[in-house]
C-alpha atoms as a PDB file:
ATOM      1  CA  MET A   1     162.407 168.466  92.267  1.00  0.00           C
ATOM      2  CA  LYS A   2     159.712 168.841  94.917  1.00  0.00           C
ATOM      3  CA  LEU A   3     157.093 168.932  92.145  1.00  0.00           C
ATOM      4  CA  ASN A   4     158.406 165.638  90.717  1.00  0.00           C
ATOM      5  CA  LYS A   5     158.135 163.898  94.103  1.00  0.00           C
ATOM      6  CA  THR A   6     154.593 165.171  94.549  1.00  0.00           C
ATOM      7  CA  LEU A   7     153.659 164.122  91.036  1.00  0.00           C
ATOM      8  CA  ILE A   8     155.168 160.660  91.579  1.00  0.00           C
ATOM      9  CA  ALA A   9     153.267 160.314  94.879  1.00  0.00           C
ATOM     10  CA  VAL A  10     149.983 161.339  93.244  1.00  0.00           C
ATOM     11  CA  ILE A  11     150.548 158.930  90.352  1.00  0.00           C
ATOM     12  CA  ALA A  12     151.381 156.119  92.808  1.00  0.00           C
ATOM     13  CA  VAL A  13     148.197 156.778  94.797  1.00  0.00           C
ATOM     14  CA  VAL A  14     146.104 156.850  91.600  1.00  0.00           C
ATOM     15  CA  VAL A  15     147.680 153.584  90.413  1.00  0.00           C
ATOM     16  CA  VAL A  16     147.033 151.880  93.790  1.00  0.00           C
ATOM     17  CA  ILE A  17     143.425 153.096  93.875  1.00  0.00           C
ATOM     18  CA  GLY A  18     142.948 152.071  90.234  1.00  0.00           C
ATOM     19  CA  ALA A  19     144.364 148.599  90.894  1.00  0.00           C
ATOM     20  CA  TRP A  20     142.134 148.199  93.939  1.00  0.00           C
ATOM     21  CA  ALA A  21     139.060 149.385  91.985  1.00  0.00           C
ATOM     22  CA  ALA A  22     139.794 146.954  89.149  1.00  0.00           C
ATOM     23  CA  SER A  23     140.268 144.096  91.585  1.00  0.00           C
ATOM     24  CA  ALA A  24     137.080 144.995  93.482  1.00  0.00           C
ATOM     25  CA  TYR A  25     135.081 145.307  90.253  1.00  0.00           C
ATOM     26  CA  ASN A  26     136.350 141.949  89.013  1.00  0.00           C
ATOM     27  CA  SER A  27     135.465 140.247  92.296  1.00  0.00           C
ATOM     28  CA  MET A  28     131.927 141.683  92.130  1.00  0.00           C
ATOM     29  CA  VAL A  29     131.575 140.440  88.552  1.00  0.00           C
ATOM     30  CA  GLY A  30     132.785 137.011  89.701  1.00  0.00           C
ATOM     31  CA  VAL A  31     130.241 136.645  92.500  1.00  0.00           C
ATOM     32  CA  GLN A  32     127.480 138.039  90.277  1.00  0.00           C
ATOM     33  CA  GLU A  33     128.294 135.411  87.645  1.00  0.00           C
ATOM     34  CA  GLU A  34     128.201 132.696  90.308  1.00  0.00           C
ATOM     35  CA  ALA A  35     124.742 133.909  91.316  1.00  0.00           C
ATOM     36  CA  THR A  36     123.421 133.987  87.753  1.00  0.00           C
ATOM     37  CA  THR A  37     124.859 130.520  87.129  1.00  0.00           C
ATOM     38  CA  ALA A  38     123.160 129.252  90.282  1.00  0.00           C
ATOM     39  CA  LEU A  39     119.897 130.788  89.044  1.00  0.00           C
ATOM     40  CA  ALA A  40     120.339 129.022  85.712  1.00  0.00           C
ATOM     41  CA  ASN A  41     120.840 125.754  87.616  1.00  0.00           C
ATOM     42  CA  VAL A  42     117.544 126.329  89.450  1.00  0.00           C
ATOM     43  CA  GLN A  43     115.788 126.945  86.153  1.00  0.00           C
ATOM     44  CA  SER A  44     117.424 123.857  84.677  1.00  0.00           C
ATOM     45  CA  ALA A  45     116.123 121.703  87.535  1.00  0.00           C
ATOM     46  CA  TYR A  46     112.625 123.120  87.049  1.00  0.00           C
ATOM     47  CA  GLN A  47     112.909 122.461  83.312  1.00  0.00           C
ATOM     48  CA  ARG A  48     113.847 118.839  84.002  1.00  0.00           C
ATOM     49  CA  ARG A  49     110.673 118.480  86.044  1.00  0.00           C
ATOM     50  CA  ALA A  50     108.629 120.101  83.273  1.00  0.00           C
ATOM     51  CA  ASP A  51     110.164 117.714  80.735  1.00  0.00           C
ATOM     52  CA  LEU A  52     109.186 114.661  82.787  1.00  0.00           C
ATOM     53  CA  ILE A  53     105.563 115.715  83.185  1.00  0.00           C
ATOM     54  CA  PRO A  54     104.280 114.878  79.667  1.00  0.00           C
ATOM     55  CA  ASN A  55     105.519 111.292  80.070  1.00  0.00           C
ATOM     56  CA  LEU A  56     103.918 111.024  83.494  1.00  0.00           C
ATOM     57  CA  VAL A  57     100.626 112.437  82.217  1.00  0.00           C
ATOM     58  CA  GLU A  58     100.582 110.012  79.279  1.00  0.00           C
ATOM     59  CA  THR A  59     101.277 107.066  81.582  1.00  0.00           C
ATOM     60  CA  VAL A  60      98.489 108.044  83.947  1.00  0.00           C
ATOM     61  CA  LYS A  61      96.110 108.843  81.073  1.00  0.00           C
ATOM     62  CA  GLY A  62      96.033 105.205  80.046  1.00  0.00           C
ATOM     63  CA  TYR A  63      94.887 104.130  83.500  1.00  0.00           C
ATOM     64  CA  ALA A  64      92.747 107.009  84.620  1.00  0.00           C
ATOM     65  CA  ALA A  65      90.809 108.327  81.670  1.00  0.00           C
ATOM     66  CA  HIS A  66      88.130 109.820  83.897  1.00  0.00           C
ATOM     67  CA  GLU A  67      90.709 111.833  85.896  1.00  0.00           C
ATOM     68  CA  LYS A  68      90.669 114.304  83.026  1.00  0.00           C
ATOM     69  CA  GLN A  69      90.471 117.439  85.202  1.00  0.00           C
ATOM     70  CA  THR A  70      93.566 116.486  87.216  1.00  0.00           C
ATOM     71  CA  LEU A  71      95.499 115.785  84.032  1.00  0.00           C
ATOM     72  CA  GLU A  72      94.361 119.071  82.491  1.00  0.00           C
ATOM     73  CA  ASP A  73      95.374 120.925  85.671  1.00  0.00           C
ATOM     74  CA  VAL A  74      98.867 119.442  85.501  1.00  0.00           C
ATOM     75  CA  VAL A  75      99.250 120.335  81.835  1.00  0.00           C
ATOM     76  CA  ALA A  76      97.981 123.898  82.458  1.00  0.00           C
ATOM     77  CA  ALA A  77     100.259 124.356  85.487  1.00  0.00           C
ATOM     78  CA  ARG A  78     103.229 123.060  83.482  1.00  0.00           C
ATOM     79  CA  SER A  79     102.449 125.464  80.672  1.00  0.00           C
ATOM     80  CA  LYS A  80     102.221 128.404  83.072  1.00  0.00           C
ATOM     81  CA  ALA A  81     105.404 127.401  84.919  1.00  0.00           C
ATOM     82  CA  THR A  82     107.440 127.036  81.743  1.00  0.00           C
ATOM     83  CA  SER A  83     106.185 130.334  80.323  1.00  0.00           C
ATOM     84  CA  ILE A  84     107.775 132.332  83.142  1.00  0.00           C
ATOM     85  CA  THR A  85     111.526 132.729  82.892  1.00  0.00           C
ATOM     86  CA  LEU A  86     113.848 134.671  85.108  1.00  0.00           C
ATOM     87  CA  ASP A  87     116.299 137.048  83.487  1.00  0.00           C
ATOM     88  CA  PRO A  88     119.175 137.825  85.888  1.00  0.00           C
ATOM     89  CA  GLU A  89     119.526 141.265  84.307  1.00  0.00           C
ATOM     90  CA  ASN A  90     115.915 142.269  85.026  1.00  0.00           C
ATOM     91  CA  MET A  91     114.980 140.088  87.995  1.00  0.00           C
ATOM     92  CA  THR A  92     112.569 141.884  90.276  1.00  0.00           C
ATOM     93  CA  PRO A  93     111.141 140.591  93.555  1.00  0.00           C
ATOM     94  CA  GLU A  94     107.721 140.474  91.848  1.00  0.00           C
ATOM     95  CA  LYS A  95     109.038 138.379  88.940  1.00  0.00           C
ATOM     96  CA  LEU A  96     110.789 135.984  91.340  1.00  0.00           C
ATOM     97  CA  LYS A  97     107.579 135.658  93.369  1.00  0.00           C
ATOM     98  CA  GLU A  98     105.549 135.034  90.183  1.00  0.00           C
ATOM     99  CA  PHE A  99     108.043 132.350  89.133  1.00  0.00           C
ATOM    100  CA  GLN A 100     107.916 130.696  92.556  1.00  0.00           C
ATOM    101  CA  GLN A 101     104.107 130.796  92.601  1.00  0.00           C
ATOM    102  CA  ALA A 102     103.850 129.154  89.172  1.00  0.00           C
ATOM    103  CA  GLN A 103     106.322 126.454  90.239  1.00  0.00           C
ATOM    104  CA  GLY A 104     104.345 125.944  93.467  1.00  0.00           C
ATOM    105  CA  GLU A 105     101.120 125.506  91.510  1.00  0.00           C
ATOM    106  CA  LEU A 106     102.850 122.940  89.321  1.00  0.00           C
ATOM    107  CA  GLY A 107     104.126 121.079  92.385  1.00  0.00           C
ATOM    108  CA  SER A 108     100.623 121.034  93.840  1.00  0.00           C
ATOM    109  CA  ALA A 109      99.105 119.739  90.597  1.00  0.00           C
ATOM    110  CA  LEU A 110     101.789 117.050  90.436  1.00  0.00           C
ATOM    111  CA  GLY A 111     100.931 116.039  94.002  1.00  0.00           C
ATOM    112  CA  ARG A 112      97.302 115.514  92.980  1.00  0.00           C
ATOM    113  CA  LEU A 113      98.432 113.521  89.951  1.00  0.00           C
ATOM    114  CA  ILE A 114     100.655 111.283  92.068  1.00  0.00           C
ATOM    115  CA  ALA A 115      97.776 110.770  94.506  1.00  0.00           C
ATOM    116  CA  ILE A 116      95.745 109.213  91.688  1.00  0.00           C
ATOM    117  CA  GLN A 117      97.916 106.110  91.935  1.00  0.00           C
ATOM    118  CA  GLU A 118      96.143 105.138  95.171  1.00  0.00           C
ATOM    119  CA  ASN A 119      92.935 104.605  93.194  1.00  0.00           C
ATOM    120  CA  TYR A 120      94.605 102.526  90.502  1.00  0.00           C
ATOM    121  CA  PRO A 121      96.596  99.530  91.793  1.00  0.00           C
ATOM    122  CA  ASP A 122      97.627  98.634  88.219  1.00  0.00           C
ATOM    123  CA  LEU A 123      99.066 102.114  87.796  1.00  0.00           C
ATOM    124  CA  LYS A 124     100.990 101.810  91.045  1.00  0.00           C
ATOM    125  CA  ALA A 125     102.552  98.599  89.728  1.00  0.00           C
ATOM    126  CA  ASN A 126     103.303 100.048  86.275  1.00  0.00           C
ATOM    127  CA  GLU A 127     107.070 100.152  85.762  1.00  0.00           C
ATOM    128  CA  ASN A 128     107.006 103.341  83.680  1.00  0.00           C
ATOM    129  CA  PHE A 129     104.943 105.140  86.308  1.00  0.00           C
ATOM    130  CA  ARG A 130     107.258 104.019  89.117  1.00  0.00           C
ATOM    131  CA  ASP A 131     110.341 105.095  87.143  1.00  0.00           C
ATOM    132  CA  LEU A 132     108.826 108.494  86.395  1.00  0.00           C
ATOM    133  CA  GLN A 133     107.805 108.911  90.014  1.00  0.00           C
ATOM    134  CA  VAL A 134     111.365 108.161  91.156  1.00  0.00           C
ATOM    135  CA  GLN A 135     112.737 110.601  88.602  1.00  0.00           C
ATOM    136  CA  LEU A 136     110.308 113.279  89.795  1.00  0.00           C
ATOM    137  CA  GLU A 137     111.306 112.717  93.416  1.00  0.00           C
ATOM    138  CA  GLY A 138     114.960 113.021  92.423  1.00  0.00           C
ATOM    139  CA  THR A 139     114.163 116.156  90.443  1.00  0.00           C
ATOM    140  CA  GLU A 140     112.370 117.723  93.413  1.00  0.00           C
ATOM    141  CA  ASN A 141     115.516 117.066  95.476  1.00  0.00           C
ATOM    142  CA  ARG A 142     117.646 118.658  92.742  1.00  0.00           C
ATOM    143  CA  ILE A 143     115.344 121.682  92.692  1.00  0.00           C
ATOM    144  CA  ASN A 144     115.681 122.063  96.444  1.00  0.00           C
ATOM    145  CA  GLU A 145     119.473 121.749  96.287  1.00  0.00           C
ATOM    146  CA  ALA A 146     119.662 124.225  93.395  1.00  0.00           C
ATOM    147  CA  ARG A 147     117.514 126.764  95.264  1.00  0.00           C
ATOM    148  CA  ASN A 148     119.659 126.372  98.401  1.00  0.00           C
ATOM    149  CA  SER A 149     122.838 126.789  96.352  1.00  0.00           C
ATOM    150  CA  PHE A 150     121.374 129.872  94.671  1.00  0.00           C
ATOM    151  CA  ASN A 151     120.454 131.391  98.028  1.00  0.00           C
ATOM    152  CA  ASN A 152     123.981 130.796  99.365  1.00  0.00           C
ATOM    153  CA  VAL A 153     125.634 132.383  96.339  1.00  0.00           C
ATOM    154  CA  VAL A 154     123.206 135.325  96.414  1.00  0.00           C
ATOM    155  CA  GLN A 155     124.065 135.841 100.068  1.00  0.00           C
ATOM    156  CA  GLN A 156     127.782 135.965  99.207  1.00  0.00           C
ATOM    157  CA  TYR A 157     127.099 138.360  96.326  1.00  0.00           C
ATOM    158  CA  ASN A 158     124.938 140.648  98.476  1.00  0.00           C
ATOM    159  CA  VAL A 159     127.595 140.731 101.223  1.00  0.00           C
ATOM    160  CA  VAL A 160     130.295 141.666  98.708  1.00  0.00           C
ATOM    161  CA  ILE A 161     128.348 144.486  97.065  1.00  0.00           C
ATOM    162  CA  ARG A 162     127.000 145.872 100.347  1.00  0.00           C
ATOM    163  CA  SER A 163     130.299 145.864 102.269  1.00  0.00           C
ATOM    164  CA  PHE A 164     132.359 149.029 102.510  1.00  0.00           C
ATOM    165  CA  PRO A 165     134.252 150.138 100.435  1.00  0.00           C
ATOM    166  CA  LYS A 166     133.027 147.931  97.574  1.00  0.00           C
ATOM    167  CA  ASN A 167     129.502 149.262  98.080  1.00  0.00           C
ATOM    168  CA  VAL A 168     130.699 152.584  96.649  1.00  0.00           C
ATOM    169  CA  LEU A 169     131.913 150.896  93.473  1.00  0.00           C
ATOM    170  CA  ALA A 170     128.849 148.644  93.346  1.00  0.00           C
ATOM    171  CA  GLY A 171     126.599 151.698  93.285  1.00  0.00           C
ATOM    172  CA  MET A 172     128.701 153.358  90.611  1.00  0.00           C
ATOM    173  CA  PHE A 173     128.693 150.295  88.346  1.00  0.00           C
ATOM    174  CA  GLY A 174     125.060 149.249  88.867  1.00  0.00           C
ATOM    175  CA  PHE A 175     125.514 146.108  90.951  1.00  0.00           C
ATOM    176  CA  ALA A 176     122.129 145.700  92.656  1.00  0.00           C
ATOM    177  CA  LYS A 177     121.118 143.496  95.569  1.00  0.00           C
ATOM    178  CA  MET A 178     119.608 140.172  94.451  1.00  0.00           C
ATOM    179  CA  ASP A 179     116.594 138.461  96.001  1.00  0.00           C
ATOM    180  CA  LYS A 180     116.622 134.898  97.288  1.00  0.00           C
ATOM    181  CA  PHE A 181     114.090 132.136  96.842  1.00  0.00           C
ATOM    182  CA  GLU A 182     111.686 132.092  99.771  1.00  0.00           C
ATOM    183  CA  ALA A 183     109.318 129.476 101.109  1.00  0.00           C
ATOM    184  CA  GLU A 184     105.806 129.548  99.749  1.00  0.00           C
ATOM    185  CA  ALA A 185     103.136 131.160 101.911  1.00  0.00           C
ATOM    186  CA  GLY A 186     101.879 128.651 104.455  1.00  0.00           C
ATOM    187  CA  ALA A 187     104.928 126.385 104.126  1.00  0.00           C
ATOM    188  CA  GLU A 188     105.721 126.911 107.810  1.00  0.00           C
ATOM    189  CA  LYS A 189     102.634 124.855 108.744  1.00  0.00           C
ATOM    190  CA  ALA A 190     102.849 121.082 108.634  1.00  0.00           C
ATOM    191  CA  PRO A 191     100.459 119.632 106.044  1.00  0.00           C
ATOM    192  CA  GLN A 192      97.503 117.662 107.331  1.00  0.00           C
ATOM    193  CA  VAL A 193      97.181 114.143 106.059  1.00  0.00           C
ATOM    194  CA  LYS A 194      93.574 112.940 105.962  1.00  0.00           C
ATOM    195  CA  PHE A 195      92.307 109.560 104.894  1.00  0.00           C
END
């Protein structure tokens, strides 16, 4: 009789611990999926920008044939930026930094391309160019929002997997801390505008 009560108590404790472990594991999977979805949204916003660039380049090409180097720089930066993809399963801080750097180079090249409009009043007035410029501005805002959303979800994920007692299960099941998007080097300094 005493053995039965002990056995029942042990089984009850095992069931409670098992239920808690399953619930904790499922919650970690949930926040990890939110983080990977947020990362996919960031990549989608960057892809939208990359998709707009060929149209922008073609529009500018008609007005600024001798701005060949700027156009080539944009095309090369776009190619580099779209060749780097982030895999949530194998995302390292180095890969994230490489991705951010390529996207930063593309943003810089786009800035030079947009600056060309100052030299070409007809281009500035071109409806296609204005529409593409507005779409690019909107896309840059979407990219910023997607990165902020990703960082918030990654923070939630990191808190969940690093908090006791879930950190024990996280280590056992391979849930690793994720890195956030960071500002580019030098972004803390205000840009100088020179005419």
